[in-house]
Amino acid sequence: MEKENIEIKKKDFTYRGETLENLKKLDVREFAKYLKSRPRRNVLRQFNKLENFISSAKIKITKNKSIRTHQRDLTIVPEMVGMKIFVYNGKSFFPVEIVNEMLGHKIGEFALTRGRVKHGKSGVGATKGTKFKAKK
């Protein structure tokens, strides 16, 4: 039996049946039609805020400056795909690389505000076995 060279073609990304190139051509309000109800409402009410953020981000990219923001509630739209945005998580600016699958989500979802808890040993007096040990 001869092995044939089977070419595996990577599936193109689509969002609700539209390719990313087609979505990037759309206005923010036109893209809102493809979103689910909650993010659609958000985008339609705050389209000015989104458009201002995108225009200032593009200016910063041309000047080779990093895009830093405290606005965790911005919905990710196709024009943001490929950008690296530093989102404030309450303590520092966390880098978030925007990819296709993030469309329709909020930026703040990808910059976690709470760290992972690593539990250590329990202290003296915290368990029944150490209840009667001297604390000092």
N, C-alpha and C. Protein backbone atom coordinates (compact mmCIF):
# COMPACT_ATOMS: atom_id res chain seq x y z
N MET A 1 0.83 -1.19 0.00
CA MET A 1 0.00 0.00 0.00
C MET A 1 0.87 1.24 0.00
N GLU A 2 0.53 2.16 -0.83
CA GLU A 2 1.26 3.43 -0.89
C GLU A 2 0.56 4.45 -0.02
N LYS A 3 1.40 5.21 0.69
CA LYS A 3 0.82 6.28 1.51
C LYS A 3 0.67 7.53 0.65
N GLU A 4 -0.50 8.08 0.68
CA GLU A 4 -0.75 9.30 -0.07
C GLU A 4 -0.50 10.51 0.82
N ASN A 5 0.00 11.56 0.24
CA ASN A 5 0.19 12.80 0.99
C ASN A 5 -1.16 13.50 1.08
N ILE A 6 -1.74 13.38 2.25
CA ILE A 6 -3.03 14.03 2.46
C ILE A 6 -2.76 15.40 3.07
N GLU A 7 -3.23 16.39 2.38
CA GLU A 7 -3.03 17.76 2.84
C GLU A 7 -4.18 18.14 3.77
N ILE A 8 -3.84 18.48 4.99
CA ILE A 8 -4.86 18.87 5.96
C ILE A 8 -4.99 20.39 5.91
N LYS A 9 -6.15 20.83 5.53
CA LYS A 9 -6.40 22.26 5.43
C LYS A 9 -6.99 22.75 6.74
N LYS A 10 -6.39 23.79 7.31
CA LYS A 10 -6.89 24.35 8.55
C LYS A 10 -8.21 25.08 8.27
N LYS A 11 -9.18 24.81 9.12
CA LYS A 11 -10.49 25.42 8.92
C LYS A 11 -10.42 26.92 9.20
N ASP A 12 -10.96 27.71 8.29
CA ASP A 12 -10.98 29.16 8.48
C ASP A 12 -11.92 29.53 9.61
N PHE A 13 -11.55 30.58 10.35
CA PHE A 13 -12.37 31.03 11.46
C PHE A 13 -13.61 31.74 10.93
N THR A 14 -14.76 31.36 11.47
CA THR A 14 -15.99 32.07 11.15
C THR A 14 -16.71 32.41 12.44
N TYR A 15 -17.38 33.53 12.46
CA TYR A 15 -18.19 33.94 13.60
C TYR A 15 -19.60 34.12 13.10
N ARG A 16 -20.50 33.25 13.52
CA ARG A 16 -21.90 33.24 13.08
C ARG A 16 -22.01 33.18 11.56
N GLY A 17 -21.12 32.39 10.94
CA GLY A 17 -21.18 32.19 9.49
C GLY A 17 -20.44 33.23 8.67
N GLU A 18 -19.82 34.20 9.30
CA GLU A 18 -19.08 35.25 8.58
C GLU A 18 -17.59 35.11 8.85
N THR A 19 -16.78 35.33 7.83
CA THR A 19 -15.32 35.27 8.01
C THR A 19 -14.84 36.54 8.69
N LEU A 20 -13.64 36.46 9.25
CA LEU A 20 -13.09 37.61 9.98
C LEU A 20 -12.88 38.81 9.05
N GLU A 21 -12.49 38.56 7.80
CA GLU A 21 -12.28 39.66 6.85
C GLU A 21 -13.58 40.43 6.61
N ASN A 22 -14.69 39.68 6.46
CA ASN A 22 -15.99 40.34 6.26
C ASN A 22 -16.41 41.11 7.51
N LEU A 23 -16.13 40.55 8.68
CA LEU A 23 -16.52 41.21 9.93
C LEU A 23 -15.71 42.49 10.15
N LYS A 24 -14.44 42.48 9.74
CA LYS A 24 -13.59 43.68 9.94
C LYS A 24 -14.06 44.85 9.08
N LYS A 25 -14.75 44.56 7.98
CA LYS A 25 -15.27 45.61 7.11
C LYS A 25 -16.49 46.30 7.72
N LEU A 26 -17.16 45.61 8.66
CA LEU A 26 -18.39 46.14 9.24
C LEU A 26 -18.12 47.23 10.26
N ASP A 27 -19.10 48.12 10.39
CA ASP A 27 -19.10 49.13 11.44
C ASP A 27 -19.40 48.43 12.77
N VAL A 28 -19.07 49.08 13.88
CA VAL A 28 -19.31 48.50 15.21
C VAL A 28 -20.79 48.17 15.39
N ARG A 29 -21.67 49.08 14.96
CA ARG A 29 -23.11 48.85 15.12
C ARG A 29 -23.62 47.75 14.20
N GLU A 30 -23.01 47.61 13.02
CA GLU A 30 -23.41 46.54 12.11
C GLU A 30 -22.96 45.18 12.65
N PHE A 31 -21.77 45.15 13.31
CA PHE A 31 -21.28 43.91 13.90
C PHE A 31 -22.17 43.47 15.06
N ALA A 32 -22.80 44.43 15.73
CA ALA A 32 -23.65 44.13 16.88
C ALA A 32 -24.79 43.18 16.50
N LYS A 33 -25.20 43.19 15.25
CA LYS A 33 -26.29 42.32 14.80
C LYS A 33 -25.91 40.84 14.91
N TYR A 34 -24.60 40.54 14.91
CA TYR A 34 -24.14 39.16 14.98
C TYR A 34 -23.97 38.67 16.42
N LEU A 35 -24.04 39.58 17.39
CA LEU A 35 -23.82 39.23 18.79
C LEU A 35 -25.09 38.68 19.43
N LYS A 36 -24.92 38.02 20.57
CA LYS A 36 -26.07 37.60 21.36
C LYS A 36 -26.66 38.82 22.04
N SER A 37 -27.81 38.66 22.68
CA SER A 37 -28.58 39.80 23.14
C SER A 37 -27.86 40.71 24.14
N ARG A 38 -27.23 40.16 25.19
CA ARG A 38 -26.59 41.01 26.20
C ARG A 38 -25.43 41.82 25.63
N PRO A 39 -24.46 41.19 24.94
CA PRO A 39 -23.39 42.00 24.35
C PRO A 39 -23.89 42.96 23.26
N ARG A 40 -24.95 42.57 22.54
CA ARG A 40 -25.51 43.44 21.50
C ARG A 40 -26.02 44.73 22.12
N ARG A 41 -26.77 44.58 23.21
CA ARG A 41 -27.29 45.75 23.93
C ARG A 41 -26.16 46.66 24.38
N ASN A 42 -25.12 46.03 24.92
CA ASN A 42 -23.98 46.78 25.42
C ASN A 42 -23.30 47.55 24.29
N VAL A 43 -23.06 46.89 23.17
CA VAL A 43 -22.37 47.53 22.03
C VAL A 43 -23.21 48.66 21.46
N LEU A 44 -24.51 48.44 21.33
CA LEU A 44 -25.37 49.48 20.75
C LEU A 44 -25.46 50.70 21.66
N ARG A 45 -25.40 50.49 22.96
CA ARG A 45 -25.49 51.62 23.88
C ARG A 45 -24.15 52.36 24.03
N GLN A 46 -23.04 51.64 23.85
CA GLN A 46 -21.73 52.24 24.08
C GLN A 46 -20.85 52.24 22.83
N PHE A 47 -21.46 52.33 21.66
CA PHE A 47 -20.67 52.27 20.43
C PHE A 47 -19.67 53.43 20.33
N ASN A 48 -20.05 54.62 20.86
CA ASN A 48 -19.13 55.77 20.84
C ASN A 48 -17.88 55.47 21.64
N LYS A 49 -18.06 54.91 22.83
CA LYS A 49 -16.95 54.57 23.70
C LYS A 49 -16.03 53.56 23.01
N LEU A 50 -16.62 52.58 22.34
CA LEU A 50 -15.85 51.56 21.63
C LEU A 50 -15.08 52.16 20.46
N GLU A 51 -15.75 52.98 19.67
CA GLU A 51 -15.10 53.59 18.51
C GLU A 51 -13.97 54.52 18.93
N ASN A 52 -14.16 55.28 20.02
CA ASN A 52 -13.09 56.14 20.52
C ASN A 52 -11.90 55.32 20.98
N PHE A 53 -12.16 54.20 21.66
CA PHE A 53 -11.07 53.34 22.12
C PHE A 53 -10.30 52.77 20.94
N ILE A 54 -11.01 52.31 19.92
CA ILE A 54 -10.36 51.71 18.76
C ILE A 54 -9.51 52.74 18.02
N SER A 55 -10.05 53.95 17.85
CA SER A 55 -9.29 54.99 17.13
C SER A 55 -8.04 55.39 17.91
N SER A 56 -8.16 55.52 19.25
CA SER A 56 -6.98 55.89 20.05
C SER A 56 -5.97 54.73 20.06
N ALA A 57 -6.47 53.49 20.03
CA ALA A 57 -5.57 52.34 20.01
C ALA A 57 -4.79 52.29 18.70
N LYS A 58 -5.45 52.60 17.59
CA LYS A 58 -4.76 52.60 16.29
C LYS A 58 -3.70 53.69 16.24
N ILE A 59 -3.97 54.85 16.85
CA ILE A 59 -2.98 55.93 16.91
C ILE A 59 -1.77 55.48 17.72
N LYS A 60 -2.01 54.81 18.85
CA LYS A 60 -0.92 54.33 19.70
C LYS A 60 -0.09 53.27 18.99
N ILE A 61 -0.74 52.43 18.17
CA ILE A 61 -0.01 51.40 17.43
C ILE A 61 0.93 52.04 16.42
N THR A 62 0.47 53.10 15.76
CA THR A 62 1.33 53.77 14.78
C THR A 62 2.53 54.43 15.45
N LYS A 63 2.36 54.85 16.71
CA LYS A 63 3.47 55.48 17.46
C LYS A 63 4.29 54.45 18.24
N ASN A 64 4.02 53.16 18.05
CA ASN A 64 4.68 52.05 18.75
C ASN A 64 4.58 52.17 20.27
N LYS A 65 3.44 52.65 20.75
CA LYS A 65 3.19 52.72 22.19
C LYS A 65 2.28 51.57 22.58
N SER A 66 2.35 51.16 23.85
CA SER A 66 1.48 50.09 24.31
C SER A 66 0.08 50.65 24.59
N ILE A 67 -0.92 49.82 24.38
CA ILE A 67 -2.31 50.21 24.62
C ILE A 67 -2.65 49.79 26.04
N ARG A 68 -2.86 50.75 26.92
CA ARG A 68 -3.19 50.46 28.32
C ARG A 68 -4.56 51.04 28.62
N THR A 69 -5.36 50.26 29.36
CA THR A 69 -6.71 50.72 29.66
C THR A 69 -7.19 50.21 31.01
N HIS A 70 -8.07 51.00 31.62
CA HIS A 70 -8.78 50.60 32.83
C HIS A 70 -10.17 50.10 32.48
N GLN A 71 -10.58 50.26 31.23
CA GLN A 71 -11.94 49.92 30.80
C GLN A 71 -12.07 48.42 30.58
N ARG A 72 -12.50 47.72 31.61
CA ARG A 72 -12.64 46.26 31.54
C ARG A 72 -13.95 45.85 30.89
N ASP A 73 -14.87 46.79 30.73
CA ASP A 73 -16.22 46.47 30.23
C ASP A 73 -16.36 46.61 28.72
N LEU A 74 -15.28 46.84 27.99
CA LEU A 74 -15.37 46.98 26.54
C LEU A 74 -15.59 45.61 25.89
N THR A 75 -16.58 45.54 25.01
CA THR A 75 -16.84 44.30 24.27
C THR A 75 -15.85 44.21 23.12
N ILE A 76 -15.29 43.03 22.92
CA ILE A 76 -14.28 42.83 21.87
C ILE A 76 -14.97 42.74 20.52
N VAL A 77 -14.53 43.60 19.59
CA VAL A 77 -15.08 43.65 18.23
C VAL A 77 -13.97 43.27 17.24
N PRO A 78 -14.31 42.95 16.00
CA PRO A 78 -13.32 42.45 15.03
C PRO A 78 -12.13 43.39 14.80
N GLU A 79 -12.32 44.70 14.92
CA GLU A 79 -11.21 45.62 14.69
C GLU A 79 -10.11 45.48 15.73
N MET A 80 -10.43 44.89 16.89
CA MET A 80 -9.44 44.71 17.95
C MET A 80 -8.61 43.45 17.79
N VAL A 81 -9.02 42.54 16.91
CA VAL A 81 -8.32 41.27 16.77
C VAL A 81 -6.89 41.52 16.32
N GLY A 82 -5.94 40.90 17.03
CA GLY A 82 -4.52 41.07 16.73
C GLY A 82 -3.84 42.09 17.60
N MET A 83 -4.60 42.90 18.32
CA MET A 83 -4.01 43.92 19.20
C MET A 83 -3.55 43.29 20.51
N LYS A 84 -2.54 43.89 21.11
CA LYS A 84 -2.11 43.50 22.44
C LYS A 84 -2.48 44.65 23.37
N ILE A 85 -3.45 44.40 24.23
CA ILE A 85 -3.97 45.44 25.11
C ILE A 85 -3.61 45.11 26.54
N PHE A 86 -3.08 46.09 27.26
CA PHE A 86 -2.75 45.92 28.67
C PHE A 86 -3.95 46.39 29.49
N VAL A 87 -4.62 45.44 30.17
CA VAL A 87 -5.84 45.72 30.91
C VAL A 87 -5.51 45.77 32.40
N TYR A 88 -6.00 46.80 33.08
CA TYR A 88 -5.74 46.96 34.51
C TYR A 88 -6.59 45.97 35.30
N ASN A 89 -5.94 45.21 36.19
CA ASN A 89 -6.68 44.21 36.97
C ASN A 89 -6.82 44.61 38.44
N GLY A 90 -6.59 45.89 38.75
CA GLY A 90 -6.72 46.36 40.12
C GLY A 90 -5.38 46.55 40.78
N LYS A 91 -4.35 45.92 40.24
CA LYS A 91 -3.02 46.00 40.82
C LYS A 91 -1.98 46.39 39.77
N SER A 92 -2.09 45.78 38.59
CA SER A 92 -1.13 46.06 37.53
C SER A 92 -1.82 45.90 36.17
N PHE A 93 -1.11 46.24 35.12
CA PHE A 93 -1.65 46.10 33.77
C PHE A 93 -1.28 44.72 33.24
N PHE A 94 -2.30 43.94 32.88
CA PHE A 94 -2.13 42.56 32.46
C PHE A 94 -2.23 42.50 30.94
N PRO A 95 -1.21 41.92 30.25
CA PRO A 95 -1.26 41.88 28.78
C PRO A 95 -2.29 40.87 28.27
N VAL A 96 -3.13 41.33 27.34
CA VAL A 96 -4.15 40.46 26.73
C VAL A 96 -3.98 40.54 25.22
N GLU A 97 -3.66 39.41 24.61
CA GLU A 97 -3.55 39.33 23.15
C GLU A 97 -4.93 38.95 22.62
N ILE A 98 -5.53 39.82 21.81
CA ILE A 98 -6.89 39.59 21.31
C ILE A 98 -6.84 38.63 20.13
N VAL A 99 -7.59 37.51 20.25
CA VAL A 99 -7.66 36.52 19.17
C VAL A 99 -9.11 36.38 18.72
N ASN A 100 -9.31 35.64 17.62
CA ASN A 100 -10.64 35.51 17.00
C ASN A 100 -11.71 35.02 17.96
N GLU A 101 -11.38 34.04 18.77
CA GLU A 101 -12.38 33.40 19.63
C GLU A 101 -12.91 34.31 20.72
N MET A 102 -12.28 35.46 20.94
CA MET A 102 -12.69 36.38 22.00
C MET A 102 -13.83 37.32 21.57
N LEU A 103 -14.22 37.29 20.31
CA LEU A 103 -15.25 38.21 19.82
C LEU A 103 -16.52 38.10 20.65
N GLY A 104 -17.05 39.24 21.05
CA GLY A 104 -18.30 39.27 21.81
C GLY A 104 -18.10 39.21 23.31
N HIS A 105 -16.89 38.89 23.77
CA HIS A 105 -16.61 38.85 25.21
C HIS A 105 -16.11 40.21 25.66
N LYS A 106 -16.02 40.40 26.98
CA LYS A 106 -15.49 41.64 27.54
C LYS A 106 -13.98 41.50 27.71
N ILE A 107 -13.25 42.62 27.61
CA ILE A 107 -11.80 42.59 27.78
C ILE A 107 -11.43 42.13 29.18
N GLY A 108 -12.20 42.56 30.18
CA GLY A 108 -11.89 42.24 31.57
C GLY A 108 -11.95 40.76 31.90
N GLU A 109 -12.63 39.97 31.08
CA GLU A 109 -12.72 38.53 31.33
C GLU A 109 -11.37 37.85 31.22
N PHE A 110 -10.44 38.46 30.50
CA PHE A 110 -9.16 37.83 30.22
C PHE A 110 -8.02 38.39 31.07
N ALA A 111 -8.33 39.34 31.95
CA ALA A 111 -7.35 39.87 32.90
C ALA A 111 -7.91 39.61 34.30
N LEU A 112 -7.52 38.50 34.88
CA LEU A 112 -8.10 38.08 36.14
C LEU A 112 -7.72 39.01 37.28
N THR A 113 -8.69 39.30 38.15
CA THR A 113 -8.45 40.22 39.26
C THR A 113 -8.03 39.50 40.53
N ARG A 114 -8.34 38.22 40.61
CA ARG A 114 -8.01 37.46 41.82
C ARG A 114 -7.00 36.39 41.47
N GLY A 115 -5.95 36.33 42.29
CA GLY A 115 -4.90 35.34 42.04
C GLY A 115 -5.32 33.96 42.50
N ARG A 116 -4.60 32.98 42.04
CA ARG A 116 -4.87 31.59 42.42
C ARG A 116 -4.39 31.39 43.86
N VAL A 117 -5.22 30.75 44.69
CA VAL A 117 -4.89 30.54 46.10
C VAL A 117 -4.06 29.28 46.21
N LYS A 118 -2.90 29.41 46.86
CA LYS A 118 -2.04 28.27 47.14
C LYS A 118 -2.04 28.09 48.64
N HIS A 119 -2.77 27.11 49.12
CA HIS A 119 -2.89 26.90 50.56
C HIS A 119 -1.62 26.28 51.11
N GLY A 120 -1.15 26.85 52.23
CA GLY A 120 0.02 26.29 52.90
C GLY A 120 -0.43 25.38 54.02
N LYS A 121 0.48 25.15 54.96
CA LYS A 121 0.13 24.32 56.12
C LYS A 121 -0.78 25.10 57.04
N SER A 122 -1.60 24.36 57.78
CA SER A 122 -2.45 25.04 58.75
C SER A 122 -1.60 25.45 59.95
N GLY A 123 -1.99 26.51 60.60
CA GLY A 123 -1.22 27.05 61.73
C GLY A 123 -1.47 26.28 63.01
N VAL A 124 -0.69 26.64 64.02
CA VAL A 124 -0.85 26.02 65.33
C VAL A 124 -2.17 26.47 65.92
N GLY A 125 -2.97 25.50 66.41
CA GLY A 125 -4.26 25.82 66.98
C GLY A 125 -5.39 25.80 65.97
N ALA A 126 -5.07 25.57 64.71
CA ALA A 126 -6.09 25.58 63.67
C ALA A 126 -6.79 24.22 63.54
N THR A 127 -6.12 23.16 63.97
CA THR A 127 -6.70 21.83 63.89
C THR A 127 -6.80 21.21 65.27
N LYS A 128 -7.56 20.11 65.38
CA LYS A 128 -7.74 19.47 66.68
C LYS A 128 -6.44 18.87 67.20
N GLY A 129 -5.56 18.46 66.33
CA GLY A 129 -4.29 17.88 66.74
C GLY A 129 -3.36 18.89 67.38
N THR A 130 -3.48 20.16 67.00
CA THR A 130 -2.60 21.19 67.55
C THR A 130 -3.35 22.11 68.51
N LYS A 131 -4.51 21.69 68.94
CA LYS A 131 -5.36 22.54 69.78
C LYS A 131 -4.71 22.90 71.11
N PHE A 132 -3.99 21.91 71.73
CA PHE A 132 -3.46 22.14 73.07
C PHE A 132 -1.97 22.43 73.07
N LYS A 133 -1.38 22.64 71.90
CA LYS A 133 0.05 23.00 71.86
C LYS A 133 0.18 24.46 72.25
N ALA A 134 1.34 24.78 72.79
CA ALA A 134 1.61 26.16 73.18
C ALA A 134 1.71 27.01 71.90
N LYS A 135 1.07 28.16 71.94
CA LYS A 135 1.06 29.02 70.74
C LYS A 135 2.31 29.89 70.67
N LYS A 136 3.05 29.98 71.80
CA LYS A 136 4.27 30.77 71.77
C LYS A 136 5.46 29.93 72.14
